[in-house]
Amino acid sequence: MKYKILVVICSLSFVVFSQTKETYIYNIKHVDTLKLDVYKPKNIKQGDSLPAVLWMHGGGFAGGSRANIDEVKFMEYLTKNGYIGISISYRLLLKGSKTGFGCDCPKTFKIDVFRQAVIDYLDAAKYIVENKTKLQIDPTKIIAGGSSAGAEGVLNAVYLKHFFVDDVSKYKNVNFAGAISLAGALVNANYISGENAIPTVLFHGTDDNLVPIGKAPHHYCDPDRLGYLILEGSEIIADRLHNLKASYYFQKTVGGKHELCQIPFPELDNILDFFDKTINKKQVIQTKYITQKN
């Protein structure tokens, strides 16, 4: 029951307002037609090439939508601040599953769900790079971002591409300038290196019972359960980036649970300022904030 409630928190799918946007199909996989919504500033001019945030929603790989209320609100914020916002759909491989993504979901299946999410995300990134002129994006300034399940997909796409993808040459023109992870984790943070480290924003609660902030089993499953899978969360990722002298912005909320997957609207100005300094001005910034849950 806790899992279902948290999925609802992170994946509200009813949109009560809308914006002018362009929708494109970036791939068709079996019964899934995968689309992305491109939000542009109203004052964008012909020939402009803007930075973009490529966003992957949460929902436990079972629900959620690229048009969640908060996703649309976030896209609106981005367009008002000189960015193009792109919110994608991807295959929800656990939709209708009896096990969910918890301890009854076999480890091997969890790994494959991560793999397919990585591939979907990279396919979306490949599409926007190949259509950079039409979409008016700067392919050197694409920020990868996601929440909860989306954050897991994004982090693994950014840092574990060579682990999950057999033919990485398909994505040779896909490069990310930065990353945003809201309550996400990696399968193995050792894949973060001096060559692939990019400015990374991390939000996580110390008491997240689904996605560990440190190194721990996914959903804190016991070792004898089918779903026992060790993940490495934001604390491990931040430490790895710190040791590599790479930029990061880590907000750790003591007592916080999986609600840290929600888009942190009060912090968005600070996040964009961090990316301006680290991407545009090439500064190295290592910031860790420790807050207390209200």
Protein backbone atom coordinates (compact mmCIF):
# COMPACT_ATOMS: atom_id res chain seq x y z
CA MET A 1 0.00 0.00 0.00
CA LYS A 2 2.82 2.43 0.81
CA TYR A 3 4.31 1.87 -2.64
CA LYS A 4 1.04 2.62 -4.42
CA ILE A 5 0.53 5.82 -2.42
CA LEU A 6 4.02 7.08 -3.22
CA VAL A 7 3.58 6.40 -6.92
CA VAL A 8 0.48 8.60 -6.85
CA ILE A 9 2.42 11.36 -5.08
CA CYS A 10 5.13 11.36 -7.74
CA SER A 11 2.97 10.74 -10.76
CA LEU A 12 -0.24 12.75 -10.72
CA SER A 13 -1.56 12.43 -14.23
CA PHE A 14 -4.43 14.88 -14.42
CA VAL A 15 -3.58 18.13 -16.20
CA VAL A 16 -5.72 21.10 -15.29
CA PHE A 17 -3.96 23.60 -17.50
CA SER A 18 -2.11 23.49 -20.78
CA GLN A 19 0.49 25.33 -22.80
CA THR A 20 1.22 25.70 -26.48
CA LYS A 21 3.53 22.85 -27.34
CA GLU A 22 4.64 20.65 -30.21
CA THR A 23 4.35 16.86 -29.93
CA TYR A 24 6.52 14.45 -31.90
CA ILE A 25 6.80 10.67 -32.16
CA TYR A 26 10.39 9.71 -31.45
CA ASN A 27 10.00 5.93 -31.76
CA ILE A 28 7.47 3.11 -32.10
CA LYS A 29 8.21 -0.06 -30.17
CA HIS A 30 5.69 -2.87 -30.57
CA VAL A 31 2.43 -1.48 -29.15
CA ASP A 32 4.05 1.62 -27.67
CA THR A 33 4.10 4.86 -29.65
CA LEU A 34 6.66 6.96 -27.79
CA LYS A 35 6.15 10.70 -27.91
CA LEU A 36 7.80 13.82 -26.59
CA ASP A 37 6.35 17.26 -25.96
CA VAL A 38 8.57 20.21 -26.85
CA TYR A 39 7.89 23.47 -25.01
CA LYS A 40 9.50 26.61 -26.37
CA PRO A 41 9.66 30.20 -25.08
CA LYS A 42 6.99 32.38 -26.63
CA ASN A 43 9.58 34.89 -27.79
CA ILE A 44 11.89 32.38 -29.50
CA LYS A 45 13.17 33.67 -32.83
CA GLN A 46 13.98 31.88 -36.05
CA GLY A 47 17.59 30.76 -35.89
CA ASP A 48 17.72 30.67 -32.09
CA SER A 49 19.40 27.64 -30.53
CA LEU A 50 18.61 27.22 -26.84
CA PRO A 51 19.67 24.87 -24.03
CA ALA A 52 17.19 22.12 -23.27
CA VAL A 53 16.08 19.93 -20.39
CA LEU A 54 15.07 16.43 -21.48
CA TRP A 55 12.74 15.15 -18.75
CA MET A 56 11.67 11.62 -17.78
CA HIS A 57 8.68 11.40 -15.41
CA GLY A 58 8.36 9.08 -12.43
CA GLY A 59 5.80 6.43 -11.60
CA GLY A 60 7.55 3.18 -10.74
CA PHE A 61 7.74 2.19 -14.43
CA ALA A 62 4.02 1.50 -14.08
CA GLY A 63 2.30 4.88 -14.31
CA GLY A 64 2.74 8.59 -14.67
CA SER A 65 2.68 10.75 -17.76
CA ARG A 66 4.81 13.24 -19.65
CA ALA A 67 1.85 15.60 -19.10
CA ASN A 68 1.66 15.34 -15.30
CA ILE A 69 0.64 18.61 -13.66
CA ASP A 70 4.09 19.22 -12.20
CA GLU A 71 5.86 18.26 -15.42
CA VAL A 72 3.85 20.81 -17.40
CA LYS A 73 4.44 23.45 -14.72
CA PHE A 74 8.17 22.68 -14.83
CA MET A 75 8.23 22.97 -18.62
CA GLU A 76 6.52 26.37 -18.32
CA TYR A 77 9.17 27.49 -15.83
CA LEU A 78 11.94 26.42 -18.19
CA THR A 79 10.53 28.31 -21.16
CA LYS A 80 10.29 31.47 -19.06
CA ASN A 81 13.98 31.13 -18.24
CA GLY A 82 15.46 30.73 -21.70
CA TYR A 83 15.30 26.95 -21.99
CA ILE A 84 13.42 24.52 -24.16
CA GLY A 85 11.64 21.91 -22.05
CA ILE A 86 11.10 18.43 -23.45
CA SER A 87 8.96 15.93 -21.55
CA ILE A 88 8.95 12.36 -22.84
CA SER A 89 6.87 9.22 -22.62
CA TYR A 90 8.58 5.83 -22.40
CA ARG A 91 7.58 2.19 -22.07
CA LEU A 92 5.87 1.49 -18.75
CA LEU A 93 6.91 -2.14 -18.55
CA LEU A 94 5.39 -2.68 -15.11
CA LYS A 95 1.97 -1.30 -15.92
CA GLY A 96 -0.60 -3.79 -14.64
CA SER A 97 2.09 -5.89 -12.96
CA LYS A 98 1.04 -7.83 -9.86
CA THR A 99 4.49 -7.51 -8.31
CA GLY A 100 5.12 -3.84 -8.99
CA PHE A 101 8.78 -2.89 -8.73
CA GLY A 102 9.13 -4.21 -5.19
CA CYS A 103 10.62 -7.27 -3.54
CA ASP A 104 8.54 -9.76 -5.52
CA CYS A 105 9.82 -8.41 -8.83
CA PRO A 106 12.84 -10.53 -9.84
CA LYS A 107 16.22 -8.82 -9.89
CA THR A 108 16.85 -9.86 -13.50
CA PHE A 109 13.59 -8.23 -14.57
CA LYS A 110 14.43 -5.05 -12.66
CA ILE A 111 17.74 -4.84 -14.50
CA ASP A 112 15.97 -5.30 -17.83
CA VAL A 113 13.42 -2.60 -16.96
CA PHE A 114 16.33 -0.25 -16.26
CA ARG A 115 17.92 -1.29 -19.56
CA GLN A 116 14.81 -0.57 -21.61
CA ALA A 117 14.29 2.77 -19.84
CA VAL A 118 17.89 3.72 -20.67
CA ILE A 119 17.36 2.80 -24.31
CA ASP A 120 14.08 4.74 -24.54
CA TYR A 121 15.71 7.78 -22.98
CA LEU A 122 18.71 7.64 -25.30
CA ASP A 123 16.40 7.19 -28.28
CA ALA A 124 14.58 10.38 -27.27
CA ALA A 125 17.90 12.19 -26.90
CA LYS A 126 19.04 10.90 -30.30
CA TYR A 127 15.82 12.17 -31.87
CA ILE A 128 16.20 15.70 -30.54
CA VAL A 129 19.86 15.85 -31.57
CA GLU A 130 19.02 14.69 -35.09
CA ASN A 131 16.24 17.31 -35.23
CA LYS A 132 18.16 20.07 -33.46
CA THR A 133 17.47 22.68 -36.14
CA LYS A 134 13.73 22.11 -36.25
CA LEU A 135 13.47 21.93 -32.47
CA GLN A 136 15.88 24.88 -32.02
CA ILE A 137 17.98 23.19 -29.36
CA ASP A 138 21.70 23.53 -28.69
CA PRO A 139 22.91 19.88 -28.71
CA THR A 140 25.92 20.83 -26.57
CA LYS A 141 23.64 22.03 -23.77
CA ILE A 142 21.19 19.22 -23.14
CA ILE A 143 20.46 18.61 -19.45
CA ALA A 144 19.16 15.14 -18.63
CA GLY A 145 16.59 15.04 -15.87
CA GLY A 146 14.10 12.78 -14.17
CA SER A 147 12.10 11.92 -11.08
CA SER A 148 12.01 8.62 -9.17
CA ALA A 149 11.85 5.87 -11.83
CA GLY A 150 12.66 8.55 -14.39
CA ALA A 151 15.70 9.58 -12.36
CA GLU A 152 16.89 5.97 -12.33
CA GLY A 153 16.46 5.80 -16.09
CA VAL A 154 18.26 9.09 -16.62
CA LEU A 155 21.20 8.42 -14.29
CA ASN A 156 21.80 5.02 -15.83
CA ALA A 157 21.54 6.51 -19.33
CA VAL A 158 24.06 9.22 -18.50
CA TYR A 159 26.57 7.16 -16.53
CA LEU A 160 25.99 3.49 -17.39
CA LYS A 161 25.37 3.67 -21.12
CA HIS A 162 28.19 1.21 -21.77
CA PHE A 163 26.75 -1.20 -19.20
CA PHE A 164 23.20 -1.23 -20.53
CA VAL A 165 23.60 -0.65 -24.28
CA ASP A 166 25.16 -3.21 -26.62
CA ASP A 167 25.74 -0.84 -29.54
CA VAL A 168 26.64 2.56 -28.09
CA SER A 169 27.71 3.81 -31.54
CA LYS A 170 24.01 4.47 -32.21
CA TYR A 171 24.24 7.30 -29.70
CA LYS A 172 27.65 8.68 -30.62
CA ASN A 173 26.21 12.16 -31.18
CA VAL A 174 24.28 12.18 -27.90
CA ASN A 175 26.06 14.06 -25.13
CA PHE A 176 24.66 15.52 -21.95
CA ALA A 177 25.89 18.76 -20.40
CA GLY A 178 24.27 18.20 -17.00
CA ALA A 179 21.90 15.96 -15.07
CA ILE A 180 19.07 16.30 -12.54
CA SER A 181 18.07 13.36 -10.34
CA LEU A 182 15.16 13.51 -7.91
CA ALA A 183 15.33 10.43 -5.65
CA GLY A 184 17.25 8.37 -8.17
CA ALA A 185 20.04 5.81 -8.03
CA LEU A 186 22.55 3.89 -10.12
CA VAL A 187 23.28 0.20 -10.43
CA ASN A 188 26.99 0.94 -10.02
CA ALA A 189 28.45 4.40 -9.33
CA ASN A 190 31.95 3.19 -10.21
CA TYR A 191 31.01 3.78 -13.83
CA ILE A 192 31.19 7.51 -13.14
CA SER A 193 34.62 8.60 -14.32
CA GLY A 194 36.66 11.66 -15.07
CA GLU A 195 35.67 11.23 -18.71
CA ASN A 196 31.90 11.07 -18.28
CA ALA A 197 31.29 13.12 -15.10
CA ILE A 198 29.00 16.08 -15.73
CA PRO A 199 27.45 18.70 -13.41
CA THR A 200 24.78 16.78 -11.51
CA VAL A 201 21.91 17.95 -9.30
CA LEU A 202 20.72 15.46 -6.68
CA PHE A 203 17.76 15.59 -4.27
CA HIS A 204 17.18 12.72 -1.84
CA GLY A 205 15.71 11.95 1.57
CA THR A 206 17.64 9.99 4.17
CA ASP A 207 14.57 7.85 4.95
CA ASP A 208 13.60 7.02 1.38
CA ASN A 209 12.27 3.47 1.67
CA LEU A 210 12.10 2.80 -2.07
CA VAL A 211 15.28 4.17 -3.61
CA PRO A 212 18.22 4.22 -1.16
CA ILE A 213 20.14 7.44 -0.63
CA GLY A 214 23.28 5.39 0.02
CA LYS A 215 24.30 1.87 -0.97
CA ALA A 216 21.48 -0.50 -0.06
CA PRO A 217 18.93 -2.89 -1.59
CA HIS A 218 16.25 -1.42 -3.83
CA HIS A 219 13.07 -1.16 -1.71
CA TYR A 220 15.26 -2.48 1.13
CA CYS A 221 14.41 -6.03 0.15
CA ASP A 222 15.86 -8.87 2.23
CA PRO A 223 18.61 -10.91 0.55
CA ASP A 224 16.35 -13.95 0.15
CA ARG A 225 13.72 -12.01 -1.86
CA LEU A 226 13.52 -12.15 -5.66
CA GLY A 227 13.79 -8.37 -5.88
CA TYR A 228 17.02 -8.06 -3.92
CA LEU A 229 19.13 -5.61 -5.95
CA ILE A 230 21.80 -3.32 -4.59
CA LEU A 231 21.59 0.28 -5.80
CA GLU A 232 23.79 3.29 -5.14
CA GLY A 233 21.90 6.50 -4.48
CA SER A 234 22.61 10.20 -4.30
CA GLU A 235 25.04 10.05 -1.35
CA ILE A 236 27.30 7.62 -3.21
CA ILE A 237 26.99 9.55 -6.48
CA ALA A 238 27.85 12.88 -4.79
CA ASP A 239 30.86 11.31 -3.06
CA ARG A 240 32.05 9.87 -6.36
CA LEU A 241 31.74 13.25 -8.12
CA HIS A 242 33.44 14.96 -5.19
CA ASN A 243 36.44 12.65 -5.40
CA LEU A 244 36.63 13.23 -9.15
CA LYS A 245 36.60 17.00 -8.54
CA ALA A 246 33.46 17.24 -10.66
CA SER A 247 30.55 19.59 -10.06
CA TYR A 248 27.46 18.60 -8.10
CA TYR A 249 24.59 20.18 -6.18
CA PHE A 250 23.27 17.76 -3.56
CA GLN A 251 20.33 18.52 -1.29
CA LYS A 252 19.99 15.89 1.42
CA THR A 253 16.84 16.04 3.51
CA VAL A 254 17.13 14.40 6.92
CA GLY A 255 13.94 12.45 7.61
CA GLY A 256 12.76 12.86 4.05
CA LYS A 257 11.18 9.91 2.29
CA HIS A 258 10.37 9.32 -1.35
CA GLU A 259 8.50 12.63 -1.62
CA LEU A 260 11.88 14.10 -2.60
CA CYS A 261 11.02 12.81 -6.08
CA GLN A 262 8.71 15.79 -6.46
CA ILE A 263 9.97 18.68 -8.58
CA PRO A 264 11.52 21.19 -6.13
CA PHE A 265 9.97 24.38 -7.48
CA PRO A 266 11.39 26.68 -4.74
CA GLU A 267 14.90 25.49 -5.65
CA LEU A 268 14.68 25.79 -9.44
CA ASP A 269 16.33 29.21 -9.60
CA ASN A 270 19.31 27.83 -7.67
CA ILE A 271 19.47 24.80 -9.94
CA LEU A 272 19.54 26.88 -13.14
CA ASP A 273 22.15 29.17 -11.56
CA PHE A 274 24.27 26.09 -10.81
CA PHE A 275 24.05 24.97 -14.44
CA ASP A 276 24.81 28.47 -15.72
CA LYS A 277 28.00 28.57 -13.68
CA THR A 278 29.13 25.01 -14.36
CA ILE A 279 28.08 24.62 -18.01
CA ASN A 280 28.35 28.14 -19.42
CA LYS A 281 31.08 29.57 -17.21
CA LYS A 282 32.96 26.27 -16.73
CA GLN A 283 33.19 26.70 -12.97
CA VAL A 284 33.66 23.70 -10.69
CA ILE A 285 31.09 23.85 -7.89
CA GLN A 286 30.63 21.21 -5.22
CA THR A 287 27.67 22.01 -3.00
CA LYS A 288 25.97 19.87 -0.38
CA TYR A 289 22.96 21.19 1.53
CA ILE A 290 21.57 19.30 4.50
CA THR A 291 17.99 20.22 5.36
CA GLN A 292 15.52 18.87 7.91
CA LYS A 293 12.12 17.55 6.89
CA ASN A 294 9.41 19.93 8.07
